[in-house]
Amino acid sequence: MNHQWTIEEHYSTTDWICMCPPSNSRWKTINNGCIFLTVDIAYLDFSKAFDTVPHRRLINKLQSLSLDSNIVEWIRQWLSDRQQRVVVNGVYSAQGLVTSGVPQGSVLGPILFNIFISDIAEGINGKVCLFADDTKICNRVDVPGGISQMTNDLGKLKKWWELWQLSFNVDKCKIMHLGRKNPRAEYRIFDTSEGWDLGVIISEDLRVSSQCNRAAGNAGRMLGCVGRGISSRKREVLMPLYRALVRPHLEYCVQYWRPYLQKDIDILERVQRRATKMVYGLKEKSYQERLNDLNMYSLEKRRDRGDMIETFKYVKGIHKVEEGSIFKRKQSSKTRGHSLRLEGQRFKSNIRKHYFTERVVDTWNSLPVEVVEAKTVIEFKQAWDRHKAILNKR
């Protein structure tokens, strides 16, 4: 099931987001050497997905997969005769029989859910991406029949969920129109200028300020909780908490939404500035001095490093994505440079040059052979760090 991106080895949330516009080359239209993007994306939200899977239909689907009858029977017994009740202030409700849903918190539950929705993309012409119960469909609408294809795809999905007794939360389903020349067709789903994609804000104008503000806000609030909850100001106490609880908010899927406006860069860096000032004995030092004392990098330098690590994973095939969907190898007879160079693209929108698939090309192509030809991710990180250390000494 190549539409599902969770519970799969070598797949990540970053891959999920990058496999759809504007990063995926499948959606790029080239005209006079410039890249255009005219795509509609439907973000669909299941209503209580894991709790509403009907047991009988799930068993029928397992049987249709020709699984061993003993395994199917074992799963049926595992799901059968479950009861639940509600407890409020020590008062118990009557017990009720559970006839739907897969047990959450179990290993088998998500697997059964994935099997149940494994055929959701059958007959769909657009690109379908699933991450657990998060679903999105992408269709180009700058080609003949593109809008009607999107309409038909949404209709087929409606028939699927009616057949299998699941439902989408219509109030949370949104359509986003990408591209300046997008005809902005009306579907039976509300339009939106901003959508949520696995916790990342995606804007129809491809700007990232909203996501930066949200990430900085969440990180700042978490840092405040750490400061109020921990009396110690020793670096051995504060820095592990910062790295574990605060910094992930600033770097989750950041390869997709990396800031390029100085105001957005500053709002993220401000959180780390504040965190390093909390350490005993460092408050009066400059930010760079605090980073040196703590053996840390600025968030901007960490993003540079993270960009190259992700590029390495795509080029080396560690991320299992469709070949050529993210990067295109450069065909050149030049002997200078390494053999894994990437081909850059021309684009009309100034924003496009800041996207992951475009901004990393020049840096990657300029890396020495010994860096890009590392065998593992760990070796690449070490080679990158040595390379940057040499450049900093010049």
Protein backbone atom coordinates (compact mmCIF):
# COMPACT_ATOMS: atom_id res chain seq x y z
CA MET A 1 0.00 0.00 0.00
CA ASN A 2 2.14 2.84 -1.28
CA HIS A 3 -0.34 5.58 -0.30
CA GLN A 4 0.19 5.07 3.44
CA TRP A 5 3.12 6.85 5.09
CA THR A 6 2.86 5.76 8.69
CA ILE A 7 3.93 2.47 10.28
CA GLU A 8 6.34 2.16 7.36
CA GLU A 9 10.11 1.99 7.64
CA HIS A 10 12.08 4.87 6.06
CA TYR A 11 9.05 7.17 5.84
CA SER A 12 8.66 10.37 7.84
CA THR A 13 6.29 13.29 8.27
CA THR A 14 8.71 15.43 6.27
CA ASP A 15 8.45 12.97 3.37
CA TRP A 16 4.66 13.08 3.58
CA ILE A 17 4.55 16.86 3.29
CA CYS A 18 7.26 17.08 0.61
CA MET A 19 5.58 14.46 -1.59
CA CYS A 20 2.78 16.89 -2.36
CA PRO A 21 2.90 20.39 -3.84
CA PRO A 22 4.90 22.50 -4.07
CA SER A 23 7.97 20.30 -3.52
CA ASN A 24 7.06 17.28 -5.63
CA SER A 25 8.13 17.64 -9.26
CA ARG A 26 5.01 15.79 -10.41
CA TRP A 27 3.00 18.98 -9.92
CA LYS A 28 5.33 21.38 -11.73
CA THR A 29 4.33 22.77 -15.09
CA ILE A 30 7.25 24.14 -17.13
CA ASN A 31 6.53 26.95 -19.57
CA ASN A 32 9.33 28.88 -21.31
CA GLY A 33 11.80 27.40 -18.88
CA CYS A 34 9.93 28.62 -15.79
CA ILE A 35 8.01 26.55 -13.27
CA PHE A 36 4.31 27.07 -12.56
CA LEU A 37 2.11 25.39 -10.00
CA THR A 38 -1.67 25.13 -10.35
CA VAL A 39 -2.95 22.49 -7.98
CA ASP A 40 -5.96 21.89 -5.76
CA ILE A 41 -5.41 19.97 -2.51
CA ALA A 42 -8.23 18.43 -0.50
CA TYR A 43 -7.46 17.93 3.19
CA LEU A 44 -9.85 15.31 4.56
CA ASP A 45 -10.47 14.44 8.19
CA PHE A 46 -12.03 11.16 9.34
CA SER A 47 -14.53 11.44 12.19
CA LYS A 48 -13.24 9.36 15.12
CA ALA A 49 -11.55 7.06 12.63
CA PHE A 50 -10.00 4.51 14.97
CA ASP A 51 -13.20 4.26 17.05
CA THR A 52 -15.66 3.68 14.19
CA VAL A 53 -14.14 0.83 12.17
CA PRO A 54 -17.01 -1.71 11.95
CA HIS A 55 -15.80 -5.10 13.15
CA ARG A 56 -17.80 -7.22 10.69
CA ARG A 57 -16.59 -5.31 7.67
CA LEU A 58 -13.02 -5.42 8.97
CA ILE A 59 -13.21 -9.21 9.30
CA ASN A 60 -14.66 -9.47 5.78
CA LYS A 61 -11.78 -7.42 4.43
CA LEU A 62 -9.23 -9.59 6.24
CA GLN A 63 -10.84 -12.69 4.75
CA SER A 64 -10.69 -11.15 1.27
CA LEU A 65 -6.91 -10.83 1.64
CA SER A 66 -6.61 -14.63 1.85
CA LEU A 67 -5.10 -14.52 5.32
CA ASP A 68 -4.85 -17.76 7.23
CA SER A 69 -8.27 -18.56 8.69
CA ASN A 70 -6.77 -19.12 12.14
CA ILE A 71 -5.28 -15.60 12.13
CA VAL A 72 -8.59 -14.07 11.05
CA GLU A 73 -10.44 -15.99 13.75
CA TRP A 74 -7.90 -14.95 16.37
CA ILE A 75 -8.40 -11.28 15.41
CA ARG A 76 -12.18 -11.72 15.47
CA GLN A 77 -12.00 -13.17 18.97
CA TRP A 78 -9.65 -10.37 20.03
CA LEU A 79 -12.16 -7.73 18.89
CA SER A 80 -15.31 -9.49 20.09
CA ASP A 81 -17.16 -9.08 23.38
CA ARG A 82 -15.37 -5.89 24.39
CA GLN A 83 -17.25 -3.66 26.81
CA GLN A 84 -16.72 -0.12 27.98
CA ARG A 85 -18.16 2.31 30.50
CA VAL A 86 -17.68 5.91 31.58
CA VAL A 87 -16.60 6.99 35.07
CA VAL A 88 -17.27 10.57 36.22
CA ASN A 89 -16.50 11.62 39.81
CA GLY A 90 -16.60 8.02 40.94
CA VAL A 91 -20.00 7.35 39.33
CA TYR A 92 -20.07 4.48 36.81
CA SER A 93 -22.29 4.27 33.76
CA ALA A 94 -23.79 1.01 32.54
CA GLN A 95 -21.46 -1.12 30.45
CA GLY A 96 -21.99 -1.11 26.69
CA LEU A 97 -20.91 -3.60 24.04
CA VAL A 98 -18.23 -2.29 21.65
CA THR A 99 -19.05 -3.28 18.08
CA SER A 100 -16.69 -0.95 16.25
CA GLY A 101 -13.22 0.51 16.51
CA VAL A 102 -9.73 -0.88 16.88
CA PRO A 103 -8.07 -0.80 20.33
CA GLN A 104 -5.89 2.28 20.56
CA GLY A 105 -2.57 1.97 22.32
CA SER A 106 -2.11 -1.53 20.92
CA VAL A 107 0.41 -2.66 18.31
CA LEU A 108 -2.22 -4.39 16.21
CA GLY A 109 -4.79 -1.56 16.24
CA PRO A 110 -3.07 0.79 13.76
CA ILE A 111 -2.18 -2.15 11.50
CA LEU A 112 -5.81 -3.24 11.33
CA PHE A 113 -6.88 0.33 10.59
CA ASN A 114 -4.37 0.56 7.75
CA ILE A 115 -5.66 -2.71 6.30
CA PHE A 116 -9.24 -1.45 6.55
CA ILE A 117 -8.54 1.71 4.52
CA SER A 118 -5.98 0.11 2.19
CA ASP A 119 -8.28 0.29 -0.84
CA ILE A 120 -9.45 3.86 -0.31
CA ALA A 121 -7.37 5.10 -3.26
CA GLU A 122 -8.65 2.54 -5.78
CA GLY A 123 -10.11 4.32 -8.79
CA ILE A 124 -8.78 7.71 -7.68
CA ASN A 125 -6.94 9.55 -10.46
CA GLY A 126 -5.28 12.19 -8.30
CA LYS A 127 -2.42 11.68 -5.89
CA VAL A 128 -3.66 10.24 -2.59
CA CYS A 129 -1.50 10.49 0.53
CA LEU A 130 -2.40 8.89 3.85
CA PHE A 131 -0.75 9.32 7.22
CA ALA A 132 -2.79 7.18 9.61
CA ASP A 133 -6.24 8.79 9.33
CA ASP A 134 -5.02 12.05 7.76
CA THR A 135 -5.87 12.03 4.06
CA LYS A 136 -5.16 14.44 1.25
CA ILE A 137 -5.79 14.37 -2.50
CA CYS A 138 -3.86 16.49 -4.98
CA ASN A 139 -4.93 17.23 -8.54
CA ARG A 140 -3.55 19.53 -11.20
CA VAL A 141 -6.29 21.84 -12.42
CA ASP A 142 -4.38 23.54 -15.23
CA VAL A 143 -4.96 20.59 -17.57
CA PRO A 144 -8.14 19.68 -19.49
CA GLY A 145 -10.53 17.86 -17.21
CA GLY A 146 -8.49 18.60 -14.09
CA ILE A 147 -11.36 20.16 -12.14
CA SER A 148 -13.85 17.45 -13.09
CA GLN A 149 -11.27 14.83 -12.12
CA MET A 150 -10.97 16.35 -8.66
CA THR A 151 -14.77 16.41 -8.37
CA ASN A 152 -15.00 12.76 -9.43
CA ASP A 153 -12.28 11.76 -6.97
CA LEU A 154 -14.13 13.39 -4.09
CA GLY A 155 -17.33 11.65 -5.20
CA LYS A 156 -15.59 8.25 -5.26
CA LEU A 157 -14.28 8.85 -1.76
CA LYS A 158 -17.78 9.67 -0.57
CA LYS A 159 -19.04 6.36 -1.98
CA TRP A 160 -16.15 4.53 -0.31
CA TRP A 161 -16.84 5.86 3.16
CA GLU A 162 -20.58 5.19 2.79
CA LEU A 163 -19.85 1.58 1.78
CA TRP A 164 -17.41 0.95 4.63
CA GLN A 165 -19.37 2.94 7.25
CA LEU A 166 -16.71 5.51 7.97
CA SER A 167 -17.33 9.22 7.68
CA PHE A 168 -15.39 12.40 7.16
CA ASN A 169 -15.84 15.41 9.40
CA VAL A 170 -17.09 17.82 6.74
CA ASP A 171 -16.45 20.87 8.93
CA LYS A 172 -12.74 19.97 9.08
CA CYS A 173 -12.37 19.05 5.40
CA LYS A 174 -10.84 21.87 3.39
CA ILE A 175 -9.78 22.66 -0.18
CA MET A 176 -6.66 24.73 -0.84
CA HIS A 177 -5.98 26.30 -4.24
CA LEU A 178 -2.30 26.72 -5.16
CA GLY A 179 -1.10 28.86 -8.05
CA ARG A 180 -1.70 32.41 -9.20
CA LYS A 181 -3.69 31.24 -12.23
CA ASN A 182 -5.74 28.71 -10.30
CA PRO A 183 -9.39 28.83 -11.48
CA ARG A 184 -10.47 28.32 -7.83
CA ALA A 185 -13.24 25.89 -8.62
CA GLU A 186 -16.00 25.40 -6.07
CA TYR A 187 -16.33 21.96 -4.52
CA ARG A 188 -18.62 20.70 -1.79
CA ILE A 189 -15.87 21.32 0.72
CA PHE A 190 -15.06 24.70 2.20
CA ASP A 191 -12.17 26.65 0.70
CA THR A 192 -9.34 27.73 2.96
CA SER A 193 -6.28 29.94 2.62
CA GLU A 194 -4.42 27.92 5.26
CA GLY A 195 -4.53 24.20 5.94
CA TRP A 196 -3.13 21.88 8.61
CA ASP A 197 -0.88 19.11 7.38
CA LEU A 198 0.34 16.87 10.23
CA GLY A 199 0.69 19.85 12.52
CA VAL A 200 2.27 22.14 9.91
CA ILE A 201 0.40 25.19 8.60
CA ILE A 202 0.34 25.19 4.79
CA SER A 203 -0.59 28.50 3.17
CA GLU A 204 -1.97 28.88 -0.34
CA ASP A 205 0.52 31.69 -1.03
CA LEU A 206 3.33 29.31 0.08
CA ARG A 207 4.53 31.71 2.79
CA VAL A 208 5.66 30.32 6.14
CA SER A 209 5.16 33.20 8.58
CA SER A 210 2.05 31.66 10.17
CA GLN A 211 3.88 28.40 10.83
CA CYS A 212 6.90 30.26 12.25
CA ASN A 213 4.70 32.25 14.63
CA ARG A 214 2.93 29.10 15.77
CA ALA A 215 6.17 27.15 16.28
CA ALA A 216 7.78 30.00 18.21
CA GLY A 217 4.67 30.43 20.34
CA ASN A 218 4.48 26.75 21.27
CA ALA A 219 8.22 26.60 21.98
CA GLY A 220 8.09 29.79 24.06
CA ARG A 221 5.23 28.51 26.19
CA MET A 222 7.02 25.21 26.75
CA LEU A 223 10.20 27.06 27.73
CA GLY A 224 8.15 29.07 30.21
CA CYS A 225 6.83 25.85 31.75
CA VAL A 226 10.38 24.54 32.07
CA GLY A 227 11.56 27.76 33.70
CA ARG A 228 8.71 27.81 36.21
CA GLY A 229 8.87 24.11 36.97
CA ILE A 230 12.63 23.73 37.44
CA SER A 231 14.42 25.77 40.09
CA SER A 232 17.92 24.72 39.02
CA ARG A 233 19.71 26.86 36.46
CA LYS A 234 22.58 24.47 35.87
CA ARG A 235 23.33 23.73 32.23
CA GLU A 236 23.28 19.98 32.99
CA VAL A 237 19.62 20.35 33.97
CA LEU A 238 18.27 23.03 31.63
CA MET A 239 19.87 22.10 28.32
CA PRO A 240 18.62 18.49 28.16
CA LEU A 241 15.12 19.77 28.92
CA TYR A 242 15.45 22.44 26.23
CA ARG A 243 16.62 19.90 23.65
CA ALA A 244 13.89 17.40 24.55
CA LEU A 245 10.87 19.65 25.13
CA VAL A 246 11.43 23.04 23.48
CA ARG A 247 13.64 22.74 20.40
CA PRO A 248 11.50 20.06 18.69
CA HIS A 249 8.74 22.67 18.32
CA LEU A 250 11.18 24.85 16.37
CA GLU A 251 12.46 22.09 14.10
CA TYR A 252 9.55 19.75 13.40
CA CYS A 253 9.38 19.30 9.59
CA VAL A 254 11.39 22.52 9.29
CA GLN A 255 12.89 21.38 5.98
CA TYR A 256 9.49 22.10 4.49
CA TRP A 257 8.74 25.42 6.19
CA ARG A 258 12.23 26.85 6.78
CA PRO A 259 11.96 30.63 7.25
CA TYR A 260 13.62 32.98 4.78
CA LEU A 261 12.34 36.37 5.96
CA GLN A 262 14.54 37.89 8.65
CA LYS A 263 11.58 38.56 10.94
CA ASP A 264 10.65 34.86 10.85
CA ILE A 265 14.25 33.77 11.40
CA ASP A 266 14.49 36.11 14.38
CA ILE A 267 11.26 34.96 16.02
CA LEU A 268 12.53 31.37 16.10
CA GLU A 269 16.05 32.26 17.19
CA ARG A 270 14.64 34.42 19.98
CA VAL A 271 13.42 31.31 21.79
CA GLN A 272 16.89 29.77 21.85
CA ARG A 273 18.42 33.10 22.88
CA ARG A 274 16.07 33.17 25.83
CA ALA A 275 16.84 29.55 26.73
CA THR A 276 20.61 30.06 26.76
CA LYS A 277 20.21 33.16 28.96
CA MET A 278 18.51 31.06 31.61
CA VAL A 279 21.72 29.10 32.28
CA TYR A 280 23.57 30.21 35.41
CA GLY A 281 26.56 32.44 34.66
CA LEU A 282 25.76 33.08 30.98
CA LYS A 283 23.19 35.87 31.14
CA GLU A 284 25.68 38.71 30.63
CA LYS A 285 27.48 37.06 27.71
CA SER A 286 26.64 37.58 24.04
CA TYR A 287 24.50 35.02 22.24
CA GLN A 288 27.44 33.61 20.28
CA GLU A 289 29.51 33.32 23.45
CA ARG A 290 26.67 31.46 25.14
CA LEU A 291 26.43 29.07 22.20
CA ASN A 292 30.18 28.44 22.31
CA ASP A 293 30.10 27.76 26.06
CA LEU A 294 27.21 25.33 25.62
CA ASN A 295 28.70 23.69 22.51
CA MET A 296 25.59 24.56 20.51
CA TYR A 297 24.82 25.94 17.06
CA SER A 298 22.35 28.64 16.16
CA LEU A 299 19.04 27.35 14.80
CA GLU A 300 19.96 28.75 11.39
CA LYS A 301 23.13 26.65 11.25
CA ARG A 302 21.21 23.61 12.45
CA ARG A 303 18.77 24.13 9.58
CA ASP A 304 21.67 24.27 7.12
CA ARG A 305 22.94 20.96 8.46
CA GLY A 306 19.46 19.45 8.52
CA ASP A 307 18.87 20.43 4.89
CA MET A 308 21.96 18.56 3.78
CA ILE A 309 21.16 15.50 5.89
CA GLU A 310 17.68 15.25 4.35
CA THR A 311 19.10 15.78 0.86
CA PHE A 312 21.61 12.99 1.48
CA LYS A 313 18.77 10.66 2.51
CA TYR A 314 16.80 11.40 -0.65
CA VAL A 315 19.78 11.12 -3.01
CA LYS A 316 20.97 7.88 -1.43
CA GLY A 317 17.51 6.33 -1.43
CA ILE A 318 17.22 6.11 2.35
CA HIS A 319 13.86 7.86 2.12
CA LYS A 320 11.67 5.51 0.08
CA VAL A 321 10.02 7.97 -2.29
CA GLU A 322 9.27 7.78 -5.98
CA GLU A 323 12.51 8.26 -7.93
CA GLY A 324 12.74 11.72 -9.44
CA SER A 325 9.75 13.03 -7.50
CA ILE A 326 11.86 15.21 -5.20
CA PHE A 327 15.18 15.73 -7.00
CA LYS A 328 16.43 15.27 -10.54
CA ARG A 329 20.03 14.24 -11.16
CA LYS A 330 22.10 16.62 -13.25
CA GLN A 331 23.31 15.20 -16.54
CA SER A 332 26.69 16.76 -17.30
CA SER A 333 29.95 15.80 -18.96
CA LYS A 334 31.97 18.07 -16.69
CA THR A 335 34.61 16.29 -14.66
CA ARG A 336 34.72 18.86 -11.86
CA GLY A 337 32.63 18.16 -8.79
CA HIS A 338 30.99 14.96 -7.66
CA SER A 339 28.76 12.59 -9.63
CA LEU A 340 25.65 13.12 -7.48
CA ARG A 341 24.94 16.69 -8.52
CA LEU A 342 21.33 17.82 -8.72
CA GLU A 343 19.61 19.86 -11.37
CA GLY A 344 18.16 23.20 -10.36
CA GLN A 345 15.03 24.72 -11.86
CA ARG A 346 14.00 28.13 -13.05
CA PHE A 347 10.88 29.53 -11.44
CA LYS A 348 8.79 32.62 -11.85
CA SER A 349 7.79 32.97 -8.20
CA ASN A 350 10.48 34.40 -5.94
CA ILE A 351 9.12 32.30 -3.06
CA ARG A 352 9.90 29.07 -4.89
CA LYS A 353 13.66 29.52 -4.56
CA HIS A 354 13.33 29.20 -0.79
CA TYR A 355 11.68 25.78 -0.95
CA PHE A 356 13.65 22.75 0.16
CA THR A 357 13.94 21.17 -3.28
CA GLU A 358 15.36 24.38 -4.75
CA ARG A 359 17.42 25.98 -1.99
CA VAL A 360 19.60 22.93 -1.31
CA VAL A 361 20.77 22.36 -4.89
CA ASP A 362 23.70 24.79 -5.03
CA THR A 363 24.99 23.85 -1.58
CA TRP A 364 24.75 20.13 -2.31
CA ASN A 365 26.46 20.46 -5.69
CA SER A 366 29.34 22.39 -4.11
CA LEU A 367 30.13 19.73 -1.49
CA PRO A 368 33.40 17.79 -1.80
CA VAL A 369 33.32 14.22 -3.07
CA GLU A 370 34.32 12.79 0.31
CA VAL A 371 31.22 14.32 1.91
CA VAL A 372 28.51 13.23 -0.55
CA GLU A 373 29.96 9.75 -0.98
CA ALA A 374 29.57 8.88 2.70
CA LYS A 375 28.11 5.42 3.18
CA THR A 376 25.78 6.14 6.11
CA VAL A 377 23.94 9.08 7.62
CA ILE A 378 26.32 9.09 10.60
CA GLU A 379 29.34 9.21 8.28
CA PHE A 380 27.74 12.04 6.32
CA LYS A 381 27.11 14.08 9.48
CA GLN A 382 30.72 13.66 10.53
CA ALA A 383 32.00 14.56 7.06
CA TRP A 384 29.72 17.63 6.92
CA ASP A 385 30.94 18.84 10.32
CA ARG A 386 34.58 18.46 9.25
CA HIS A 387 33.85 20.31 6.01
CA LYS A 388 32.20 23.23 7.81
CA ALA A 389 35.01 23.38 10.38
CA ILE A 390 37.54 23.74 7.56
CA LEU A 391 35.49 26.49 5.90
CA ASN A 392 35.15 28.40 9.18
CA LYS A 393 38.93 28.46 9.64
CA ARG A 394 39.54 30.11 6.28
